Amino acid sequence: QVQLVESGGGLVQAGGSLRLSCAASGRTFSNYQMGWFRQAPGKEREFVAAVSWSGGTTYYADSVKGRFTISRDNAKNTMYLQMNNLKPEDTAVYYCAAEFQRLYSEYVSAERSGYNYWGQGTQVTVSS
């Protein structure tokens, strides 16, 4: 089992930037595809971005494409989400997620059901 802890959330003005981190422990980090999801008050949890075990494949929701960048450092067991040009509609609790990835597969999932391991979340608030 893998344990995930998010950090880096906070309050920022529209147009600003934040970098979220997701620290993993418990299993070999490079065996897992990783993703970021977010949930705003009263809304369903939605996909934000995903990255394959190698970092070679990434996938983004249309709403964040061109503004957010997902990356990972397997040596540090950490995944990142660089968020630039933040908008008030980006306000949400951000969750990192992990799922075991088959050897050499570059497949990444954009579905909540594609991940079995979740962090507790970190709040991001963007003021207008």
Protein backbone atom coordinates (compact mmCIF):
# COMPACT_ATOMS: atom_id res chain seq x y z
CA GLN A 1 0.00 0.00 0.00
CA VAL A 2 1.18 3.53 -0.74
CA GLN A 3 0.60 6.54 1.50
CA LEU A 4 0.21 10.01 -0.02
CA VAL A 5 0.54 13.44 1.61
CA GLU A 6 -0.20 16.67 -0.23
CA SER A 7 1.25 20.08 0.61
CA GLY A 8 1.64 23.52 -0.91
CA GLY A 9 -1.94 24.74 -0.95
CA GLY A 10 -2.93 28.21 0.19
CA LEU A 11 -4.56 31.50 -0.68
CA VAL A 12 -3.46 33.33 -3.82
CA GLN A 13 -4.80 36.15 -5.95
CA ALA A 14 -6.09 35.54 -9.44
CA GLY A 15 -3.20 35.39 -11.88
CA GLY A 16 -0.84 34.06 -9.24
CA SER A 17 0.96 30.74 -8.95
CA LEU A 18 1.23 27.83 -6.53
CA ARG A 19 3.13 24.56 -6.58
CA LEU A 20 1.56 21.54 -4.96
CA SER A 21 3.59 18.54 -3.84
CA CYS A 22 2.54 14.97 -3.17
CA ALA A 23 4.96 12.91 -1.11
CA ALA A 24 4.60 9.13 -1.36
CA SER A 25 5.77 6.40 0.97
CA GLY A 26 5.25 2.73 1.58
CA ARG A 27 5.92 1.26 -1.86
CA THR A 28 8.20 1.80 -4.83
CA PHE A 29 7.04 5.16 -6.15
CA SER A 30 8.14 4.50 -9.71
CA ASN A 31 5.73 1.56 -9.93
CA TYR A 32 2.75 3.91 -9.84
CA GLN A 33 0.98 6.21 -12.23
CA MET A 34 -0.02 9.41 -10.43
CA GLY A 35 -2.79 11.93 -10.76
CA TRP A 36 -4.22 15.15 -9.38
CA PHE A 37 -7.94 15.65 -8.83
CA ARG A 38 -9.86 18.51 -7.26
CA GLN A 39 -13.21 19.02 -5.57
CA ALA A 40 -14.95 22.35 -5.19
CA PRO A 41 -17.76 22.84 -2.65
CA GLY A 42 -20.95 21.21 -3.84
CA LYS A 43 -19.29 19.64 -6.87
CA GLU A 44 -18.01 16.24 -7.86
CA ARG A 45 -14.33 15.44 -7.63
CA GLU A 46 -12.84 16.07 -11.06
CA PHE A 47 -9.71 15.11 -12.91
CA VAL A 48 -6.93 17.69 -13.24
CA ALA A 49 -3.79 15.97 -14.53
CA ALA A 50 -1.98 12.64 -14.61
CA VAL A 51 1.56 11.39 -15.19
CA SER A 52 2.93 7.95 -16.02
CA TRP A 53 5.50 6.10 -13.92
CA SER A 54 8.36 7.45 -16.02
CA GLY A 55 7.08 11.01 -16.30
CA GLY A 56 7.12 10.55 -20.04
CA THR A 57 3.37 10.69 -20.51
CA THR A 58 1.16 13.44 -19.12
CA TYR A 59 -2.49 14.25 -19.59
CA TYR A 60 -4.51 17.32 -18.59
CA ALA A 61 -8.09 18.40 -18.23
CA ASP A 62 -9.00 21.00 -20.83
CA SER A 63 -9.72 23.52 -18.09
CA VAL A 64 -6.09 23.57 -16.92
CA LYS A 65 -4.20 22.83 -20.12
CA GLY A 66 -1.53 25.45 -20.75
CA ARG A 67 -1.67 26.73 -17.16
CA PHE A 68 -0.82 23.68 -15.02
CA THR A 69 2.18 21.36 -15.31
CA ILE A 70 2.40 17.94 -13.68
CA SER A 71 5.77 16.33 -13.00
CA ARG A 72 7.41 13.78 -10.76
CA ASP A 73 10.79 13.06 -9.23
CA ASN A 74 11.08 9.33 -8.64
CA ALA A 75 14.32 9.77 -6.71
CA LYS A 76 12.44 11.94 -4.19
CA ASN A 77 9.19 9.92 -4.22
CA THR A 78 7.34 13.14 -4.99
CA MET A 79 4.90 14.42 -7.58
CA TYR A 80 4.26 18.08 -8.30
CA LEU A 81 1.59 20.31 -9.80
CA GLN A 82 2.80 23.73 -10.90
CA MET A 83 -0.24 25.98 -11.22
CA ASN A 84 0.15 29.29 -13.05
CA ASN A 85 -2.34 31.99 -14.01
CA LEU A 86 -4.73 30.76 -11.35
CA LYS A 87 -8.42 31.65 -11.64
CA PRO A 88 -11.14 31.82 -8.97
CA GLU A 89 -12.72 28.72 -10.53
CA ASP A 90 -9.57 26.77 -9.63
CA THR A 91 -10.57 27.07 -5.96
CA ALA A 92 -10.95 23.55 -4.58
CA VAL A 93 -9.42 20.89 -2.40
CA TYR A 94 -6.71 19.22 -4.46
CA TYR A 95 -6.06 15.51 -4.04
CA CYS A 96 -3.21 13.38 -5.29
CA ALA A 97 -3.88 9.80 -6.31
CA ALA A 98 -1.85 6.74 -7.22
CA GLU A 99 -2.42 3.45 -8.96
CA PHE A 100 -0.03 0.59 -9.68
CA GLN A 101 1.18 0.69 -13.25
CA ARG A 102 2.13 -2.35 -15.28
CA LEU A 103 5.78 -2.63 -16.17
CA TYR A 104 6.71 -0.23 -19.00
CA SER A 105 3.10 0.86 -19.54
CA GLU A 106 2.67 4.58 -20.24
CA TYR A 107 -1.09 4.52 -19.82
CA VAL A 108 -2.56 7.17 -17.52
CA SER A 109 -6.12 7.34 -16.27
CA ALA A 110 -8.35 10.40 -16.04
CA GLU A 111 -11.02 8.54 -14.07
CA ARG A 112 -11.45 8.51 -10.29
CA SER A 113 -12.05 4.78 -10.53
CA GLY A 114 -8.60 4.38 -12.04
CA TYR A 115 -6.90 5.13 -8.72
CA ASN A 116 -6.98 3.16 -5.50
CA TYR A 117 -4.79 5.34 -3.30
CA TRP A 118 -5.62 8.89 -2.26
CA GLY A 119 -4.18 11.63 -0.11
CA GLN A 120 -6.12 13.77 2.35
CA GLY A 121 -6.13 16.86 0.16
CA THR A 122 -4.81 20.41 0.32
CA GLN A 123 -6.94 23.54 -0.02
CA VAL A 124 -6.31 25.99 -2.84
CA THR A 125 -8.21 29.27 -2.72
CA VAL A 126 -7.95 31.83 -5.52
CA SER A 127 -9.35 35.29 -4.79
CA SER A 128 -10.62 37.59 -7.52
